[in-house]
N, C-alpha and C. Protein backbone atom coordinates (compact mmCIF):
# COMPACT_ATOMS: atom_id res chain seq x y z
N HIS A 1 119.58 -41.12 -44.61
CA HIS A 1 119.83 -42.24 -44.61
C HIS A 1 118.70 -42.64 -45.95
N SER A 2 118.74 -43.61 -46.59
CA SER A 2 117.21 -43.47 -47.04
C SER A 2 116.83 -44.58 -46.73
N ASP A 3 117.51 -45.25 -45.67
CA ASP A 3 116.74 -46.28 -45.04
C ASP A 3 115.55 -45.98 -44.34
N ALA A 4 115.83 -44.92 -43.99
CA ALA A 4 114.93 -44.08 -43.18
C ALA A 4 113.43 -43.48 -44.05
N LEU A 5 113.79 -43.30 -45.17
CA LEU A 5 112.18 -42.96 -46.50
C LEU A 5 111.88 -43.99 -46.28
N LEU A 6 112.35 -45.84 -46.34
CA LEU A 6 111.27 -46.66 -46.11
C LEU A 6 110.82 -47.53 -44.79
N GLU A 7 111.52 -46.32 -44.00
CA GLU A 7 110.65 -46.51 -42.82
C GLU A 7 109.63 -45.59 -42.76
N LEU A 8 110.03 -44.59 -43.32
CA LEU A 8 108.88 -43.36 -43.22
C LEU A 8 107.58 -43.64 -44.18
N LEU A 9 107.21 -44.61 -45.56
CA LEU A 9 106.52 -45.53 -46.36
C LEU A 9 106.11 -46.01 -44.73
N GLU A 10 106.58 -46.74 -44.33
CA GLU A 10 106.02 -48.14 -44.14
C GLU A 10 105.40 -47.55 -42.61
N ASP A 11 105.74 -46.43 -42.24
CA ASP A 11 104.82 -45.54 -41.32
C ASP A 11 103.93 -45.44 -41.76
N VAL A 12 103.77 -44.68 -42.38
CA VAL A 12 102.67 -44.03 -43.90
C VAL A 12 101.22 -45.05 -43.90
N GLY A 13 101.95 -46.08 -44.33
CA GLY A 13 101.20 -47.35 -44.96
C GLY A 13 100.43 -47.04 -46.36
N ARG A 14 100.16 -46.31 -47.07
CA ARG A 14 99.20 -45.53 -47.73
C ARG A 14 99.66 -46.20 -49.18
N PRO A 15 99.16 -46.73 -49.98
CA PRO A 15 100.02 -47.13 -51.03
C PRO A 15 100.09 -46.09 -52.00
N ASN A 16 99.48 -45.33 -52.51
CA ASN A 16 99.38 -43.68 -52.93
C ASN A 16 100.41 -43.34 -52.85
N CYS A 17 101.26 -43.34 -51.73
CA CYS A 17 102.73 -42.51 -51.30
C CYS A 17 103.96 -42.86 -51.38
N LYS A 18 104.35 -42.35 -52.69
CA LYS A 18 105.50 -43.29 -53.14
C LYS A 18 106.98 -41.43 -53.08
N LEU A 19 107.70 -42.41 -52.73
CA LEU A 19 109.01 -41.35 -53.78
C LEU A 19 109.40 -40.74 -54.49
N ALA A 20 110.00 -39.13 -54.76
CA ALA A 20 110.77 -38.53 -55.61
C ALA A 20 112.48 -38.93 -55.40
N PHE A 21 112.52 -39.32 -55.71
CA PHE A 21 114.33 -39.64 -55.34
C PHE A 21 115.15 -39.30 -55.88
N ASP A 22 116.31 -38.61 -55.32
CA ASP A 22 117.07 -37.80 -55.89
C ASP A 22 118.63 -38.02 -55.62
N ALA A 23 119.50 -38.31 -56.50
CA ALA A 23 120.92 -39.26 -56.45
C ALA A 23 121.68 -38.36 -55.25
N TRP A 24 121.37 -36.47 -54.96
CA TRP A 24 122.17 -35.63 -54.68
C TRP A 24 122.57 -35.86 -53.25
N SER A 25 121.31 -35.99 -52.63
CA SER A 25 121.37 -36.77 -51.19
C SER A 25 122.16 -37.81 -50.45
N PRO A 26 122.00 -39.02 -50.83
CA PRO A 26 122.35 -39.85 -50.84
C PRO A 26 124.46 -39.57 -51.11
N ALA A 27 123.73 -39.48 -52.29
CA ALA A 27 125.52 -39.15 -52.60
C ALA A 27 126.20 -38.56 -51.70
N LEU A 28 125.72 -37.01 -51.26
CA LEU A 28 126.47 -36.31 -49.69
C LEU A 28 126.68 -37.25 -49.11
N ARG A 29 125.42 -38.08 -48.67
CA ARG A 29 125.61 -38.78 -47.41
C ARG A 29 126.82 -39.94 -46.85
N GLY A 30 127.53 -40.10 -48.86
CA GLY A 30 128.86 -41.24 -48.88
C GLY A 30 127.48 -42.68 -49.07
N GLU A 31 126.46 -42.75 -49.74
CA GLU A 31 125.80 -44.31 -49.99
C GLU A 31 125.98 -44.52 -50.81
N GLU A 32 126.22 -45.81 -51.37
CA GLU A 32 126.59 -46.50 -52.19
C GLU A 32 125.14 -46.32 -53.50
N LEU A 33 125.45 -45.68 -54.92
CA LEU A 33 124.06 -45.02 -55.04
C LEU A 33 123.45 -46.24 -55.87
N TYR A 34 124.66 -47.00 -56.46
CA TYR A 34 123.48 -47.95 -57.58
C TYR A 34 123.03 -48.87 -56.25
N GLU A 35 123.06 -49.47 -55.08
CA GLU A 35 122.50 -50.35 -53.96
C GLU A 35 121.53 -49.12 -53.76
N SER A 36 121.47 -48.11 -52.95
CA SER A 36 120.84 -47.02 -52.67
C SER A 36 119.25 -46.61 -53.65
N ALA A 37 119.65 -46.36 -55.34
CA ALA A 37 118.92 -46.69 -56.20
C ALA A 37 117.70 -47.77 -56.24
N ARG A 38 118.59 -49.13 -56.00
CA ARG A 38 117.51 -50.59 -56.15
C ARG A 38 116.59 -50.75 -55.17
N LYS A 39 117.64 -50.22 -53.95
CA LYS A 39 116.75 -50.62 -53.03
C LYS A 39 115.63 -49.62 -53.00
N MET A 40 115.25 -48.34 -53.33
CA MET A 40 114.44 -47.14 -54.12
C MET A 40 113.30 -47.49 -54.93
N ALA A 41 113.75 -47.84 -55.94
CA ALA A 41 113.16 -48.36 -56.93
C ALA A 41 112.19 -48.22 -57.61
N PRO A 42 110.93 -49.49 -56.23
CA PRO A 42 110.39 -49.86 -56.18
C PRO A 42 109.11 -48.76 -55.52
N HIS A 43 109.71 -48.27 -55.09
CA HIS A 43 108.74 -47.39 -54.56
C HIS A 43 108.86 -45.64 -54.82
N THR A 44 109.44 -45.47 -56.00
CA THR A 44 109.83 -44.26 -56.83
C THR A 44 109.27 -44.10 -57.88
N VAL A 45 108.70 -42.94 -57.77
CA VAL A 45 107.65 -42.45 -58.87
C VAL A 45 108.56 -41.32 -59.75
N MET A 46 109.66 -40.82 -59.47
CA MET A 46 110.16 -39.62 -60.02
C MET A 46 111.61 -39.80 -59.31
N THR A 47 112.53 -38.76 -60.38
CA THR A 47 113.53 -38.61 -59.89
C THR A 47 114.30 -37.57 -60.49
N THR A 48 115.00 -35.82 -59.11
CA THR A 48 115.44 -35.02 -59.82
C THR A 48 116.55 -35.27 -59.62
N ASN A 49 117.34 -34.38 -60.88
CA ASN A 49 118.83 -34.68 -61.51
C ASN A 49 119.51 -33.63 -60.88
N ALA A 50 120.70 -33.45 -61.13
CA ALA A 50 121.44 -31.96 -61.05
C ALA A 50 122.83 -32.66 -60.64
N ASP A 51 123.90 -32.26 -60.87
CA ASP A 51 125.30 -33.17 -60.92
C ASP A 51 126.36 -31.93 -60.18
N TYR A 52 126.99 -31.97 -59.22
CA TYR A 52 127.98 -31.12 -58.55
C TYR A 52 129.21 -31.04 -58.41
N ILE A 53 130.35 -30.39 -57.82
CA ILE A 53 131.34 -30.54 -57.66
C ILE A 53 131.52 -30.42 -56.24
N ARG A 54 132.03 -30.73 -55.34
CA ARG A 54 132.43 -30.74 -53.49
C ARG A 54 133.72 -29.77 -53.64
N LEU A 55 133.55 -28.43 -52.79
CA LEU A 55 134.43 -27.76 -53.17
C LEU A 55 134.73 -27.64 -51.29
N PRO A 56 135.97 -27.76 -51.22
CA PRO A 56 136.49 -27.86 -49.71
C PRO A 56 136.61 -26.26 -49.28
N ARG A 57 136.36 -26.66 -48.07
CA ARG A 57 136.03 -25.21 -47.24
C ARG A 57 137.19 -24.99 -46.23
N PHE A 58 137.71 -23.86 -45.93
CA PHE A 58 138.47 -23.10 -44.35
C PHE A 58 138.39 -22.44 -43.36
N HIS A 59 138.71 -22.39 -42.53
CA HIS A 59 139.10 -20.87 -41.90
C HIS A 59 140.00 -21.09 -41.23
N TYR A 60 140.86 -20.01 -41.30
CA TYR A 60 141.47 -19.40 -40.66
C TYR A 60 142.08 -19.18 -39.75
N GLN A 61 142.98 -19.56 -38.88
CA GLN A 61 143.55 -19.61 -37.61
C GLN A 61 144.85 -18.94 -37.09
N PRO A 62 144.20 -17.56 -36.32
CA PRO A 62 144.99 -16.92 -36.60
C PRO A 62 146.25 -17.30 -35.69
N SER A 63 145.77 -18.29 -34.41
CA SER A 63 147.05 -18.47 -33.26
C SER A 63 147.76 -19.86 -33.77
N ILE A 64 147.39 -20.30 -34.76
CA ILE A 64 148.55 -20.95 -35.61
C ILE A 64 148.67 -20.46 -36.73
N VAL A 65 149.02 -19.89 -37.50
CA VAL A 65 148.89 -18.90 -38.53
C VAL A 65 148.79 -20.56 -39.60
N ASN A 66 147.56 -20.36 -39.71
CA ASN A 66 147.21 -21.95 -40.35
C ASN A 66 145.45 -21.45 -40.59
N TYR A 67 145.17 -22.67 -41.85
CA TYR A 67 143.92 -22.91 -42.26
C TYR A 67 143.68 -24.09 -41.44
N THR A 68 142.45 -24.78 -41.13
CA THR A 68 141.60 -25.80 -40.25
C THR A 68 140.37 -26.04 -41.45
N ARG A 69 140.60 -27.11 -41.67
CA ARG A 69 139.57 -27.33 -42.53
C ARG A 69 138.04 -27.14 -41.95
N ALA A 70 137.29 -27.04 -42.71
CA ALA A 70 135.52 -26.72 -42.49
C ALA A 70 134.62 -27.42 -42.85
N GLU A 71 133.82 -28.06 -42.13
CA GLU A 71 132.85 -28.93 -42.70
C GLU A 71 131.39 -28.20 -42.75
N PRO A 72 130.62 -28.78 -43.62
CA PRO A 72 130.90 -29.67 -44.99
C PRO A 72 131.69 -29.02 -46.12
N ASP A 73 132.05 -29.38 -47.03
CA ASP A 73 132.03 -29.00 -47.93
C ASP A 73 130.94 -27.94 -49.28
N LEU A 74 131.48 -27.20 -49.54
CA LEU A 74 130.58 -26.62 -50.75
C LEU A 74 130.04 -27.43 -51.52
N VAL A 75 128.73 -26.99 -52.52
CA VAL A 75 128.93 -28.23 -53.53
C VAL A 75 128.06 -26.42 -54.52
N ARG A 76 128.68 -26.93 -55.98
CA ARG A 76 128.26 -26.24 -56.54
C ARG A 76 128.13 -27.11 -58.13
N ALA A 77 126.65 -26.56 -58.99
CA ALA A 77 126.39 -26.87 -59.94
C ALA A 77 127.28 -26.69 -61.37
N VAL A 78 127.28 -28.16 -61.68
CA VAL A 78 128.26 -28.25 -63.07
C VAL A 78 127.39 -28.94 -64.17
N LYS A 79 127.99 -28.71 -65.24
CA LYS A 79 127.21 -29.82 -65.87
C LYS A 79 126.93 -31.28 -65.59
N PHE A 80 126.23 -31.03 -66.42
CA PHE A 80 125.18 -33.38 -65.66
C PHE A 80 126.38 -34.08 -66.35
N GLY A 81 126.90 -35.28 -65.74
CA GLY A 81 127.87 -36.16 -65.79
C GLY A 81 129.68 -35.27 -65.14
N ASP A 82 130.00 -33.93 -65.24
CA ASP A 82 131.03 -33.82 -64.83
C ASP A 82 130.93 -33.20 -63.37
N GLY A 83 130.15 -33.68 -62.43
CA GLY A 83 130.17 -34.08 -60.65
C GLY A 83 130.60 -35.16 -60.06
N PHE A 84 130.62 -35.24 -59.20
CA PHE A 84 130.93 -36.08 -58.21
C PHE A 84 130.03 -37.39 -58.15
N ILE A 85 128.43 -36.97 -59.00
CA ILE A 85 127.50 -37.63 -58.27
C ILE A 85 127.89 -39.49 -59.36
N ASP A 86 127.60 -40.72 -59.07
CA ASP A 86 127.63 -41.77 -60.13
C ASP A 86 126.53 -41.84 -60.51
N TYR A 87 126.37 -40.95 -61.94
CA TYR A 87 125.16 -40.97 -61.82
C TYR A 87 124.48 -42.75 -62.89
N PRO A 88 125.52 -43.14 -63.45
CA PRO A 88 125.32 -44.50 -64.79
C PRO A 88 125.32 -45.36 -63.12
N ALA A 89 125.67 -45.51 -62.47
CA ALA A 89 125.15 -46.87 -61.28
C ALA A 89 123.87 -46.72 -60.74
N PHE A 90 123.65 -44.64 -60.36
CA PHE A 90 122.42 -44.83 -59.89
C PHE A 90 121.28 -44.99 -60.79
N PHE A 91 120.97 -44.76 -62.11
CA PHE A 91 119.99 -44.90 -63.49
C PHE A 91 120.13 -46.52 -63.50
N GLN A 92 121.31 -47.24 -63.70
CA GLN A 92 121.47 -48.61 -63.24
C GLN A 92 120.49 -49.25 -62.38
N GLY A 93 120.44 -48.78 -61.43
CA GLY A 93 119.93 -49.69 -60.20
C GLY A 93 118.50 -49.06 -59.81
N LEU A 94 118.24 -47.92 -60.46
CA LEU A 94 117.01 -47.14 -60.72
C LEU A 94 116.53 -48.55 -61.62
N ARG A 95 116.61 -48.89 -62.48
CA ARG A 95 116.29 -50.18 -64.02
C ARG A 95 116.06 -50.92 -63.09
N GLU A 96 117.31 -51.58 -63.28
CA GLU A 96 117.21 -53.07 -62.03
C GLU A 96 116.27 -53.70 -60.85
N GLY A 97 116.22 -51.72 -60.68
CA GLY A 97 115.10 -52.40 -59.02
C GLY A 97 113.14 -52.05 -59.53
N GLY A 98 113.38 -51.99 -61.07
CA GLY A 98 111.70 -51.73 -61.24
C GLY A 98 111.44 -50.00 -61.69
N PHE A 99 112.18 -49.16 -61.55
CA PHE A 99 111.97 -47.77 -61.68
C PHE A 99 111.36 -47.78 -63.01
N ASP A 100 110.30 -47.04 -63.57
CA ASP A 100 109.21 -46.79 -64.35
C ASP A 100 108.94 -45.32 -64.50
N GLY A 101 109.04 -44.88 -63.81
CA GLY A 101 108.56 -42.81 -63.45
C GLY A 101 109.48 -41.55 -64.64
N LEU A 102 109.58 -40.93 -63.97
CA LEU A 102 110.35 -39.90 -64.56
C LEU A 102 111.70 -39.09 -63.94
N ALA A 103 111.78 -38.94 -65.06
CA ALA A 103 113.61 -38.09 -64.94
C ALA A 103 113.51 -36.36 -64.79
N ASN A 104 113.75 -35.76 -64.50
CA ASN A 104 113.66 -34.40 -64.62
C ASN A 104 114.76 -33.36 -64.15
N TYR A 105 115.31 -32.46 -64.49
CA TYR A 105 117.02 -32.09 -64.49
C TYR A 105 116.43 -30.52 -63.83
N GLU A 106 116.96 -30.25 -62.71
CA GLU A 106 117.11 -29.08 -61.80
C GLU A 106 118.56 -28.26 -61.69
N MET A 107 117.56 -27.03 -61.85
CA MET A 107 118.74 -26.08 -61.50
C MET A 107 118.44 -25.07 -60.47
N CYS A 108 119.20 -25.62 -59.22
CA CYS A 108 118.45 -24.87 -58.02
C CYS A 108 119.43 -23.81 -57.00
N SER A 109 120.49 -24.00 -57.37
CA SER A 109 121.84 -23.39 -56.83
C SER A 109 122.58 -22.98 -57.71
N PRO A 110 123.63 -21.89 -57.09
CA PRO A 110 124.84 -21.66 -57.50
C PRO A 110 125.38 -22.32 -58.66
N ILE A 111 125.45 -22.03 -59.92
CA ILE A 111 125.44 -22.72 -61.64
C ILE A 111 127.07 -22.13 -62.23
N ARG A 112 127.37 -23.36 -62.56
CA ARG A 112 129.20 -22.40 -63.11
C ARG A 112 128.52 -21.99 -64.10
N GLY A 113 128.46 -20.62 -64.39
CA GLY A 113 129.01 -19.19 -65.53
C GLY A 113 127.75 -18.98 -65.27
N GLY A 114 126.46 -19.14 -63.88
CA GLY A 114 125.62 -18.12 -64.05
C GLY A 114 124.88 -18.53 -64.12
N GLY A 115 123.41 -17.19 -63.77
CA GLY A 115 122.16 -17.65 -64.45
C GLY A 115 121.79 -17.23 -65.24
N HIS A 116 122.78 -16.75 -66.87
CA HIS A 116 121.80 -16.30 -67.62
C HIS A 116 121.32 -16.85 -68.65
N ILE A 117 120.36 -17.00 -69.05
CA ILE A 117 119.70 -17.34 -69.70
C ILE A 117 119.99 -18.55 -71.33
N ASP A 118 121.00 -18.11 -71.48
CA ASP A 118 121.86 -18.83 -72.47
C ASP A 118 122.72 -19.70 -71.65
N ASN A 119 123.16 -19.77 -70.46
CA ASN A 119 123.75 -20.84 -69.46
C ASN A 119 123.09 -21.57 -68.95
N LEU A 120 121.79 -21.14 -68.88
CA LEU A 120 120.77 -22.39 -67.92
C LEU A 120 120.30 -23.17 -69.60
N ASP A 121 120.09 -22.95 -70.46
CA ASP A 121 120.05 -23.58 -71.44
C ASP A 121 120.62 -24.78 -72.13
N ALA A 122 122.04 -23.69 -72.34
CA ALA A 122 123.33 -24.45 -72.73
C ALA A 122 122.94 -26.10 -71.48
N PHE A 123 123.09 -25.14 -70.51
CA PHE A 123 123.22 -26.41 -69.17
C PHE A 123 121.52 -27.94 -69.29
N ALA A 124 121.06 -27.61 -69.59
CA ALA A 124 119.77 -27.94 -70.11
C ALA A 124 119.72 -29.37 -71.49
N ALA A 125 120.33 -27.94 -72.59
CA ALA A 125 120.59 -29.05 -72.84
C ALA A 125 121.85 -30.52 -73.35
N HIS A 126 122.46 -29.49 -72.62
CA HIS A 126 123.64 -30.78 -72.14
C HIS A 126 122.49 -31.58 -71.20
N TYR A 127 122.17 -32.07 -70.40
CA TYR A 127 121.70 -32.54 -69.72
C TYR A 127 120.46 -33.66 -70.64
N VAL A 128 120.49 -33.11 -71.86
CA VAL A 128 119.19 -34.02 -72.83
C VAL A 128 119.84 -35.19 -73.39
N ARG A 129 120.77 -34.46 -74.04
CA ARG A 129 122.01 -35.44 -74.68
C ARG A 129 122.27 -36.04 -74.77
N TRP A 130 122.65 -35.87 -73.10
CA TRP A 130 123.46 -36.72 -71.58
C TRP A 130 122.89 -38.11 -71.56
N MET A 131 121.68 -37.99 -71.48
CA MET A 131 119.99 -38.88 -70.95
C MET A 131 120.05 -39.81 -72.07
N ARG A 132 120.43 -39.25 -73.93
CA ARG A 132 120.52 -39.72 -74.39
C ARG A 132 121.25 -40.61 -74.75
N ASP A 133 122.80 -39.98 -74.65
CA ASP A 133 124.04 -40.45 -75.08
C ASP A 133 123.50 -42.00 -74.37
N ASN A 134 123.49 -42.34 -73.04
CA ASN A 134 123.43 -42.60 -72.06
C ASN A 134 123.10 -43.83 -71.72
N GLY A 135 121.67 -44.14 -72.58
CA GLY A 135 120.59 -44.87 -72.63
C GLY A 135 120.23 -44.47 -71.78
N GLN A 136 119.29 -43.88 -71.41
CA GLN A 136 118.24 -43.29 -70.30
C GLN A 136 116.74 -43.13 -70.65
N THR A 137 116.36 -42.81 -72.02
CA THR A 137 115.06 -42.10 -72.55
C THR A 137 114.73 -43.04 -73.37
N SER A 138 113.60 -43.34 -72.91
CA SER A 138 112.58 -44.10 -74.34
C SER A 138 112.04 -43.67 -75.37
């Protein structure tokens, strides 16, 4: 939970120890992104962004001739803004909390469309457009 990060920062007690706070982790844990981002913003110097869809997983159970739900869900990278992460709320929370750091884009998981350079370039260009269109650039 994001509150554990604040505890860690307090324990470290060094003014030069700051956060790289990303939305995907609290989103996967079911945290309210606006509130988490607003609370963490004063301690955050960078955020790394990517968006994902959740895909349910199942295990076949021969004894009942059926499937049972398996946890956790599989997550797969999709174009920024097409996934389940509420980035408008996340960025609003960061801004309102005083964040004035860097935002960058990452592609480090299986990405829809594969890892060909043309697909990677298209995803990166889409992120830049999304950030501009949604007022996230200065």
